[in-house]
Amino acid sequence: RVKAYRIYPPKDNLKWAQICEGVIRHYTEGWANGFHYDIHYWEIWNEPDNQEEIMINEMWRGTKEQYYELYGVVSKYLKERFPYLKIGGYASCGFYAILEEKKVIAEANSSSRTEYFLEFFEGFLQYVKNHHCPFDFFSWHSYSSIEDNVKFAAYARKRLGEEGFADTEHTLNEWNCKPPLKGTLEHAALTCGMMLALQNTSLDSAMFYDARCGIGDYSGMFHPMTYKPHPAYYGFLAFSELY
């Protein structure tokens, strides 16, 4: 909040795409003394819709149109070079505004700006469709209840299908239910309930946020005194801190 880094639109979208290409080759093909990790999903940015007002947006200091253009350039460039990988985005802040009661989700720091989340989503779908952009998966976030997330999943699947993206996967790749309760039996029960409920939705995948070892407000998966890190890593990487 003092000085933000890596949240401004790239000055050159193609150059940024080429940097992403190098990152992929480094982590999956061993380029530049790299690795051969089996990472299939590559997400372009994170929550660019976080705030409508550019100068208070903590994730993207640009317009929504600038993000759409970035996605168009990068997705086409990467898909051409890595046709076997899945390219998508954009880690949407979610669908809280579709709830009839329009309630505020305190855990997600959401308010009336949730309407902007939907506006951004609709504009993104139109841009991707009109510009024939690669769109292997759509990712979104939620810190709402079990019942709400089931509704959100249905809504996302419905809108994707209506706009011609029936084959596009969708993933709730950031979720947590009442994170302030972490470490309690209630939080464990809610987390288990969420995992069970999501099995009966159209989601292709879902990722709990987060699995760090007790160092953050949302780190409710492991206890820092008992957790021993495993050498395995995740199969999902977002391009949001490269510029």
C-alpha atoms as a PDB file:
ATOM      1  CA  ARG A   1       0.000   0.000   0.000  1.00  0.00           C
ATOM      2  CA  VAL A   2       3.043   2.262   0.261  1.00  0.00           C
ATOM      3  CA  LYS A   3       4.435   1.570  -3.201  1.00  0.00           C
ATOM      4  CA  ALA A   4       3.007  -1.061  -5.506  1.00  0.00           C
ATOM      5  CA  TYR A   5       5.156  -3.195  -7.795  1.00  0.00           C
ATOM      6  CA  ARG A   6       4.337  -5.579 -10.630  1.00  0.00           C
ATOM      7  CA  ILE A   7       0.722  -4.490 -10.984  1.00  0.00           C
ATOM      8  CA  TYR A   8       1.050  -2.079 -13.911  1.00  0.00           C
ATOM      9  CA  PRO A   9       0.156  -3.037 -17.493  1.00  0.00           C
ATOM     10  CA  PRO A  10       3.255  -4.013 -19.469  1.00  0.00           C
ATOM     11  CA  LYS A  11       4.538  -1.307 -21.780  1.00  0.00           C
ATOM     12  CA  ASP A  12       4.915  -3.944 -24.494  1.00  0.00           C
ATOM     13  CA  ASN A  13       2.449  -6.842 -24.402  1.00  0.00           C
ATOM     14  CA  LEU A  14       4.397  -8.932 -26.909  1.00  0.00           C
ATOM     15  CA  LYS A  15       7.644  -8.535 -24.994  1.00  0.00           C
ATOM     16  CA  TRP A  16       5.849  -9.577 -21.814  1.00  0.00           C
ATOM     17  CA  ALA A  17       4.488 -12.634 -23.643  1.00  0.00           C
ATOM     18  CA  GLN A  18       8.031 -13.522 -24.679  1.00  0.00           C
ATOM     19  CA  ILE A  19       9.136 -13.272 -21.051  1.00  0.00           C
ATOM     20  CA  CYS A  20       6.316 -15.656 -20.144  1.00  0.00           C
ATOM     21  CA  GLU A  21       7.555 -18.025 -22.839  1.00  0.00           C
ATOM     22  CA  GLY A  22      10.956 -18.056 -21.183  1.00  0.00           C
ATOM     23  CA  VAL A  23       9.410 -18.745 -17.782  1.00  0.00           C
ATOM     24  CA  ILE A  24       7.477 -21.708 -19.193  1.00  0.00           C
ATOM     25  CA  ARG A  25      10.515 -23.124 -20.924  1.00  0.00           C
ATOM     26  CA  HIS A  26      12.580 -22.688 -17.757  1.00  0.00           C
ATOM     27  CA  TYR A  27      10.115 -24.575 -15.572  1.00  0.00           C
ATOM     28  CA  THR A  28       8.903 -27.228 -17.997  1.00  0.00           C
ATOM     29  CA  GLU A  29      11.668 -27.777 -20.582  1.00  0.00           C
ATOM     30  CA  GLY A  30      14.827 -27.251 -18.546  1.00  0.00           C
ATOM     31  CA  TRP A  31      15.834 -24.081 -20.418  1.00  0.00           C
ATOM     32  CA  ALA A  32      18.386 -21.821 -18.665  1.00  0.00           C
ATOM     33  CA  ASN A  33      19.420 -24.449 -16.124  1.00  0.00           C
ATOM     34  CA  GLY A  34      15.763 -25.007 -15.329  1.00  0.00           C
ATOM     35  CA  PHE A  35      13.396 -27.814 -14.481  1.00  0.00           C
ATOM     36  CA  HIS A  36      11.018 -30.312 -16.041  1.00  0.00           C
ATOM     37  CA  TYR A  37       7.954 -29.763 -13.900  1.00  0.00           C
ATOM     38  CA  ASP A  38       4.656 -31.114 -15.177  1.00  0.00           C
ATOM     39  CA  ILE A  39       2.790 -27.770 -15.099  1.00  0.00           C
ATOM     40  CA  HIS A  40      -0.188 -27.767 -17.458  1.00  0.00           C
ATOM     41  CA  TYR A  41      -2.202 -24.688 -16.485  1.00  0.00           C
ATOM     42  CA  TRP A  42      -0.838 -21.167 -17.043  1.00  0.00           C
ATOM     43  CA  GLU A  43      -2.957 -18.286 -15.785  1.00  0.00           C
ATOM     44  CA  ILE A  44      -2.566 -14.766 -17.164  1.00  0.00           C
ATOM     45  CA  TRP A  45      -2.551 -12.280 -14.268  1.00  0.00           C
ATOM     46  CA  ASN A  46      -4.487 -12.327 -11.010  1.00  0.00           C
ATOM     47  CA  GLU A  47      -7.670 -10.409 -10.113  1.00  0.00           C
ATOM     48  CA  PRO A  48      -7.334  -7.547 -12.611  1.00  0.00           C
ATOM     49  CA  ASP A  49     -10.953  -6.718 -11.738  1.00  0.00           C
ATOM     50  CA  ASN A  50     -10.127  -6.041  -8.074  1.00  0.00           C
ATOM     51  CA  GLN A  51     -11.226  -2.385  -8.195  1.00  0.00           C
ATOM     52  CA  GLU A  52     -12.900  -0.292 -10.884  1.00  0.00           C
ATOM     53  CA  GLU A  53     -10.941   2.809  -9.856  1.00  0.00           C
ATOM     54  CA  ILE A  54      -7.487   2.255 -11.293  1.00  0.00           C
ATOM     55  CA  MET A  55      -5.413   4.016  -8.653  1.00  0.00           C
ATOM     56  CA  ILE A  56      -6.810   1.951  -5.781  1.00  0.00           C
ATOM     57  CA  ASN A  57      -6.717  -1.375  -7.604  1.00  0.00           C
ATOM     58  CA  GLU A  58      -4.170  -3.478  -5.749  1.00  0.00           C
ATOM     59  CA  MET A  59      -3.775  -5.960  -8.594  1.00  0.00           C
ATOM     60  CA  TRP A  60      -4.010  -4.097 -11.918  1.00  0.00           C
ATOM     61  CA  ARG A  61      -3.258  -0.420 -12.463  1.00  0.00           C
ATOM     62  CA  GLY A  62      -4.911  -0.301 -15.846  1.00  0.00           C
ATOM     63  CA  THR A  63      -8.325  -0.327 -17.509  1.00  0.00           C
ATOM     64  CA  LYS A  64     -10.253  -3.485 -18.148  1.00  0.00           C
ATOM     65  CA  GLU A  65      -9.724  -2.921 -21.875  1.00  0.00           C
ATOM     66  CA  GLN A  66      -5.965  -2.909 -21.329  1.00  0.00           C
ATOM     67  CA  TYR A  67      -6.220  -6.256 -19.588  1.00  0.00           C
ATOM     68  CA  TYR A  68      -8.352  -7.718 -22.372  1.00  0.00           C
ATOM     69  CA  GLU A  69      -5.714  -6.641 -24.905  1.00  0.00           C
ATOM     70  CA  LEU A  70      -2.933  -8.135 -22.790  1.00  0.00           C
ATOM     71  CA  TYR A  71      -4.804 -11.420 -22.544  1.00  0.00           C
ATOM     72  CA  GLY A  72      -5.397 -11.469 -26.285  1.00  0.00           C
ATOM     73  CA  VAL A  73      -1.733 -10.973 -27.188  1.00  0.00           C
ATOM     74  CA  VAL A  74      -0.303 -13.299 -24.551  1.00  0.00           C
ATOM     75  CA  SER A  75      -2.803 -16.141 -24.935  1.00  0.00           C
ATOM     76  CA  LYS A  76      -2.313 -16.310 -28.701  1.00  0.00           C
ATOM     77  CA  TYR A  77       1.455 -16.099 -28.457  1.00  0.00           C
ATOM     78  CA  LEU A  78       1.769 -18.799 -25.801  1.00  0.00           C
ATOM     79  CA  LYS A  79      -0.772 -21.139 -27.380  1.00  0.00           C
ATOM     80  CA  GLU A  80       1.089 -21.003 -30.670  1.00  0.00           C
ATOM     81  CA  ARG A  81       4.317 -22.027 -28.960  1.00  0.00           C
ATOM     82  CA  PHE A  82       2.839 -24.441 -26.450  1.00  0.00           C
ATOM     83  CA  PRO A  83      -0.293 -25.924 -28.061  1.00  0.00           C
ATOM     84  CA  TYR A  84      -0.280 -28.781 -25.543  1.00  0.00           C
ATOM     85  CA  LEU A  85      -0.530 -26.470 -22.498  1.00  0.00           C
ATOM     86  CA  LYS A  86      -3.696 -24.922 -21.096  1.00  0.00           C
ATOM     87  CA  ILE A  87      -3.797 -21.126 -21.210  1.00  0.00           C
ATOM     88  CA  GLY A  88      -6.457 -19.107 -19.416  1.00  0.00           C
ATOM     89  CA  GLY A  89      -7.375 -16.565 -16.785  1.00  0.00           C
ATOM     90  CA  TYR A  90      -8.074 -14.355 -15.190  1.00  0.00           C
ATOM     91  CA  ALA A  91      -8.560 -15.222 -11.523  1.00  0.00           C
ATOM     92  CA  SER A  92     -11.805 -13.273 -11.295  1.00  0.00           C
ATOM     93  CA  CYS A  93     -12.727 -11.719  -7.941  1.00  0.00           C
ATOM     94  CA  GLY A  94     -15.999 -13.606  -8.174  1.00  0.00           C
ATOM     95  CA  PHE A  95     -19.746 -13.485  -8.550  1.00  0.00           C
ATOM     96  CA  TYR A  96     -21.000 -12.103  -5.236  1.00  0.00           C
ATOM     97  CA  ALA A  97     -23.300  -9.643  -7.029  1.00  0.00           C
ATOM     98  CA  ILE A  98     -25.569 -12.348  -8.438  1.00  0.00           C
ATOM     99  CA  LEU A  99     -26.964 -13.110  -4.981  1.00  0.00           C
ATOM    100  CA  GLU A 100     -30.468 -11.766  -4.555  1.00  0.00           C
ATOM    101  CA  GLU A 101     -29.700 -10.196  -1.199  1.00  0.00           C
ATOM    102  CA  LYS A 102     -26.561  -8.478  -2.633  1.00  0.00           C
ATOM    103  CA  LYS A 103     -24.910  -9.112   0.693  1.00  0.00           C
ATOM    104  CA  VAL A 104     -21.434  -7.934   1.561  1.00  0.00           C
ATOM    105  CA  ILE A 105     -18.818 -10.674   1.835  1.00  0.00           C
ATOM    106  CA  ALA A 106     -16.571  -9.322   4.571  1.00  0.00           C
ATOM    107  CA  GLU A 107     -13.908 -11.993   4.176  1.00  0.00           C
ATOM    108  CA  ALA A 108     -13.285 -10.942   0.576  1.00  0.00           C
ATOM    109  CA  ASN A 109     -13.305  -7.227   1.403  1.00  0.00           C
ATOM    110  CA  SER A 110     -16.156  -6.819  -1.069  1.00  0.00           C
ATOM    111  CA  SER A 111     -18.865  -4.166  -1.310  1.00  0.00           C
ATOM    112  CA  SER A 112     -20.742  -2.437  -4.123  1.00  0.00           C
ATOM    113  CA  ARG A 113     -17.706  -3.014  -6.321  1.00  0.00           C
ATOM    114  CA  THR A 114     -18.906  -6.588  -6.784  1.00  0.00           C
ATOM    115  CA  GLU A 115     -21.044  -5.295  -9.666  1.00  0.00           C
ATOM    116  CA  TYR A 116     -17.815  -4.348 -11.400  1.00  0.00           C
ATOM    117  CA  PHE A 117     -16.626  -7.950 -11.103  1.00  0.00           C
ATOM    118  CA  LEU A 118     -19.565  -8.979 -13.287  1.00  0.00           C
ATOM    119  CA  GLU A 119     -19.054  -6.113 -15.730  1.00  0.00           C
ATOM    120  CA  PHE A 120     -15.419  -7.112 -16.149  1.00  0.00           C
ATOM    121  CA  PHE A 121     -16.403 -10.757 -16.646  1.00  0.00           C
ATOM    122  CA  GLU A 122     -18.961  -9.982 -19.340  1.00  0.00           C
ATOM    123  CA  GLY A 123     -16.551  -7.717 -21.184  1.00  0.00           C
ATOM    124  CA  PHE A 124     -13.844 -10.356 -21.034  1.00  0.00           C
ATOM    125  CA  LEU A 125     -16.104 -13.042 -22.504  1.00  0.00           C
ATOM    126  CA  GLN A 126     -17.076 -10.757 -25.367  1.00  0.00           C
ATOM    127  CA  TYR A 127     -13.470  -9.819 -26.095  1.00  0.00           C
ATOM    128  CA  VAL A 128     -12.238 -13.410 -26.093  1.00  0.00           C
ATOM    129  CA  LYS A 129     -15.093 -14.473 -28.353  1.00  0.00           C
ATOM    130  CA  ASN A 130     -14.764 -11.566 -30.788  1.00  0.00           C
ATOM    131  CA  HIS A 131     -10.987 -11.881 -31.057  1.00  0.00           C
ATOM    132  CA  HIS A 132     -10.879 -15.689 -31.131  1.00  0.00           C
ATOM    133  CA  CYS A 133      -8.479 -15.898 -28.200  1.00  0.00           C
ATOM    134  CA  PRO A 134      -7.344 -19.219 -26.730  1.00  0.00           C
ATOM    135  CA  PHE A 135      -9.421 -19.851 -23.622  1.00  0.00           C
ATOM    136  CA  ASP A 136      -8.753 -23.272 -22.138  1.00  0.00           C
ATOM    137  CA  PHE A 137      -9.930 -22.409 -18.629  1.00  0.00           C
ATOM    138  CA  PHE A 138     -11.617 -19.654 -16.685  1.00  0.00           C
ATOM    139  CA  SER A 139     -10.527 -19.145 -13.076  1.00  0.00           C
ATOM    140  CA  TRP A 140     -12.411 -17.352 -10.309  1.00  0.00           C
ATOM    141  CA  HIS A 141     -12.225 -16.762  -6.559  1.00  0.00           C
ATOM    142  CA  SER A 142     -14.679 -16.805  -3.664  1.00  0.00           C
ATOM    143  CA  TYR A 143     -14.659 -16.439   0.107  1.00  0.00           C
ATOM    144  CA  SER A 144     -18.362 -16.976   0.500  1.00  0.00           C
ATOM    145  CA  SER A 145     -20.398 -19.807   1.998  1.00  0.00           C
ATOM    146  CA  ILE A 146     -20.817 -23.345   0.743  1.00  0.00           C
ATOM    147  CA  GLU A 147     -24.302 -22.577  -0.540  1.00  0.00           C
ATOM    148  CA  ASP A 148     -23.147 -19.432  -2.342  1.00  0.00           C
ATOM    149  CA  ASN A 149     -20.209 -21.133  -4.027  1.00  0.00           C
ATOM    150  CA  VAL A 150     -22.484 -23.817  -5.428  1.00  0.00           C
ATOM    151  CA  LYS A 151     -24.581 -21.010  -6.965  1.00  0.00           C
ATOM    152  CA  PHE A 152     -21.498 -19.228  -8.288  1.00  0.00           C
ATOM    153  CA  ALA A 153     -20.216 -22.381  -9.958  1.00  0.00           C
ATOM    154  CA  ALA A 154     -23.553 -22.893 -11.699  1.00  0.00           C
ATOM    155  CA  TYR A 155     -23.584 -19.271 -12.855  1.00  0.00           C
ATOM    156  CA  ALA A 156     -20.052 -19.414 -14.242  1.00  0.00           C
ATOM    157  CA  ARG A 157     -20.783 -22.615 -16.144  1.00  0.00           C
ATOM    158  CA  LYS A 158     -24.046 -21.188 -17.477  1.00  0.00           C
ATOM    159  CA  ARG A 159     -22.497 -17.967 -18.778  1.00  0.00           C
ATOM    160  CA  LEU A 160     -19.534 -19.752 -20.326  1.00  0.00           C
ATOM    161  CA  GLY A 161     -21.883 -22.080 -22.168  1.00  0.00           C
ATOM    162  CA  GLU A 162     -24.147 -19.262 -23.324  1.00  0.00           C
ATOM    163  CA  GLU A 163     -21.201 -17.431 -24.869  1.00  0.00           C
ATOM    164  CA  GLY A 164     -19.939 -20.463 -26.755  1.00  0.00           C
ATOM    165  CA  PHE A 165     -17.341 -21.720 -24.281  1.00  0.00           C
ATOM    166  CA  ALA A 166     -18.930 -25.035 -23.387  1.00  0.00           C
ATOM    167  CA  ASP A 167     -15.544 -26.766 -23.609  1.00  0.00           C
ATOM    168  CA  THR A 168     -13.710 -24.210 -21.480  1.00  0.00           C
ATOM    169  CA  GLU A 169     -12.906 -25.557 -18.037  1.00  0.00           C
ATOM    170  CA  HIS A 170     -13.674 -23.464 -15.001  1.00  0.00           C
ATOM    171  CA  THR A 171     -11.810 -23.552 -11.741  1.00  0.00           C
ATOM    172  CA  LEU A 172     -12.417 -22.031  -8.325  1.00  0.00           C
ATOM    173  CA  ASN A 173      -8.708 -21.605  -7.766  1.00  0.00           C
ATOM    174  CA  GLU A 174      -8.920 -19.528  -4.620  1.00  0.00           C
ATOM    175  CA  TRP A 175     -11.437 -20.314  -1.888  1.00  0.00           C
ATOM    176  CA  ASN A 176     -11.702 -20.384   1.876  1.00  0.00           C
ATOM    177  CA  CYS A 177     -14.764 -20.437   4.104  1.00  0.00           C
ATOM    178  CA  LYS A 178     -14.550 -18.076   7.122  1.00  0.00           C
ATOM    179  CA  PRO A 179     -10.736 -17.937   7.280  1.00  0.00           C
ATOM    180  CA  PRO A 180     -10.740 -16.103  10.658  1.00  0.00           C
ATOM    181  CA  LEU A 181     -11.879 -19.425  12.142  1.00  0.00           C
ATOM    182  CA  LYS A 182      -8.725 -21.233  11.035  1.00  0.00           C
ATOM    183  CA  GLY A 183      -7.428 -23.740  13.530  1.00  0.00           C
ATOM    184  CA  THR A 184     -10.907 -24.497  14.883  1.00  0.00           C
ATOM    185  CA  LEU A 185     -13.141 -27.518  14.480  1.00  0.00           C
ATOM    186  CA  GLU A 186     -15.760 -25.307  12.852  1.00  0.00           C
ATOM    187  CA  HIS A 187     -13.337 -24.222  10.140  1.00  0.00           C
ATOM    188  CA  ALA A 188     -12.303 -27.823   9.536  1.00  0.00           C
ATOM    189  CA  ALA A 189     -15.951 -28.844   9.188  1.00  0.00           C
ATOM    190  CA  LEU A 190     -16.715 -25.977   6.800  1.00  0.00           C
ATOM    191  CA  THR A 191     -13.666 -26.788   4.700  1.00  0.00           C
ATOM    192  CA  CYS A 192     -14.645 -30.439   4.484  1.00  0.00           C
ATOM    193  CA  GLY A 193     -18.230 -29.482   3.666  1.00  0.00           C
ATOM    194  CA  MET A 194     -17.069 -27.187   0.890  1.00  0.00           C
ATOM    195  CA  MET A 195     -14.958 -29.916  -0.676  1.00  0.00           C
ATOM    196  CA  LEU A 196     -17.878 -32.331  -0.578  1.00  0.00           C
ATOM    197  CA  ALA A 197     -20.363 -29.828  -2.017  1.00  0.00           C
ATOM    198  CA  LEU A 198     -18.090 -28.768  -4.862  1.00  0.00           C
ATOM    199  CA  GLN A 199     -17.911 -32.387  -6.022  1.00  0.00           C
ATOM    200  CA  ASN A 200     -21.516 -32.016  -7.165  1.00  0.00           C
ATOM    201  CA  THR A 201     -20.954 -28.862  -9.215  1.00  0.00           C
ATOM    202  CA  SER A 202     -19.689 -28.317 -12.743  1.00  0.00           C
ATOM    203  CA  LEU A 203     -16.265 -27.250 -11.488  1.00  0.00           C
ATOM    204  CA  ASP A 204     -13.289 -28.966 -13.065  1.00  0.00           C
ATOM    205  CA  SER A 205     -11.015 -28.132 -10.125  1.00  0.00           C
ATOM    206  CA  ALA A 206     -10.803 -26.071  -6.940  1.00  0.00           C
ATOM    207  CA  MET A 207      -7.868 -24.841  -4.837  1.00  0.00           C
ATOM    208  CA  PHE A 208      -7.982 -23.989  -1.143  1.00  0.00           C
ATOM    209  CA  TYR A 209      -6.290 -20.694  -0.248  1.00  0.00           C
ATOM    210  CA  ASP A 210      -3.876 -21.246   1.117  1.00  0.00           C
ATOM    211  CA  ALA A 211      -1.415 -23.995   1.966  1.00  0.00           C
ATOM    212  CA  ARG A 212       1.381 -21.910   3.397  1.00  0.00           C
ATOM    213  CA  CYS A 213       2.525 -23.003   6.802  1.00  0.00           C
ATOM    214  CA  GLY A 214       0.521 -20.783   9.141  1.00  0.00           C
ATOM    215  CA  ILE A 215       2.108 -17.507   8.071  1.00  0.00           C
ATOM    216  CA  GLY A 216      -0.964 -15.632   6.846  1.00  0.00           C
ATOM    217  CA  ASP A 217      -4.555 -14.866   7.760  1.00  0.00           C
ATOM    218  CA  TYR A 218      -5.764 -17.416   5.204  1.00  0.00           C
ATOM    219  CA  SER A 219      -3.212 -20.138   5.946  1.00  0.00           C
ATOM    220  CA  GLY A 220      -5.540 -22.640   7.517  1.00  0.00           C
ATOM    221  CA  MET A 221      -4.329 -25.933   6.117  1.00  0.00           C
ATOM    222  CA  PHE A 222      -1.203 -26.693   8.165  1.00  0.00           C
ATOM    223  CA  HIS A 223      -0.072 -25.983  11.708  1.00  0.00           C
ATOM    224  CA  PRO A 224       3.421 -24.395  11.751  1.00  0.00           C
ATOM    225  CA  MET A 225       4.574 -26.619  14.635  1.00  0.00           C
ATOM    226  CA  THR A 226       3.619 -29.904  12.989  1.00  0.00           C
ATOM    227  CA  TYR A 227       3.914 -29.374   9.249  1.00  0.00           C
ATOM    228  CA  LYS A 228       6.965 -30.747   7.434  1.00  0.00           C
ATOM    229  CA  PRO A 229       7.299 -29.372   3.873  1.00  0.00           C
ATOM    230  CA  HIS A 230       7.160 -31.861   1.031  1.00  0.00           C
ATOM    231  CA  PRO A 231       9.494 -31.422  -1.964  1.00  0.00           C
ATOM    232  CA  ALA A 232       6.593 -31.694  -4.420  1.00  0.00           C
ATOM    233  CA  TYR A 233       5.189 -28.444  -5.754  1.00  0.00           C
ATOM    234  CA  TYR A 234       1.935 -27.334  -7.401  1.00  0.00           C
ATOM    235  CA  GLY A 235       0.861 -27.809 -11.013  1.00  0.00           C
ATOM    236  CA  PHE A 236      -0.529 -24.305 -11.525  1.00  0.00           C
ATOM    237  CA  LEU A 237       1.248 -20.983 -12.065  1.00  0.00           C
ATOM    238  CA  ALA A 238      -0.118 -17.466 -12.565  1.00  0.00           C
ATOM    239  CA  PHE A 239       1.627 -14.765 -14.576  1.00  0.00           C
ATOM    240  CA  SER A 240       1.072 -11.769 -12.297  1.00  0.00           C
ATOM    241  CA  GLU A 241       4.479 -10.861 -10.912  1.00  0.00           C
ATOM    242  CA  LEU A 242       6.705 -10.896 -13.963  1.00  0.00           C
ATOM    243  CA  TYR A 243       6.740  -7.212 -14.880  1.00  0.00           C
END
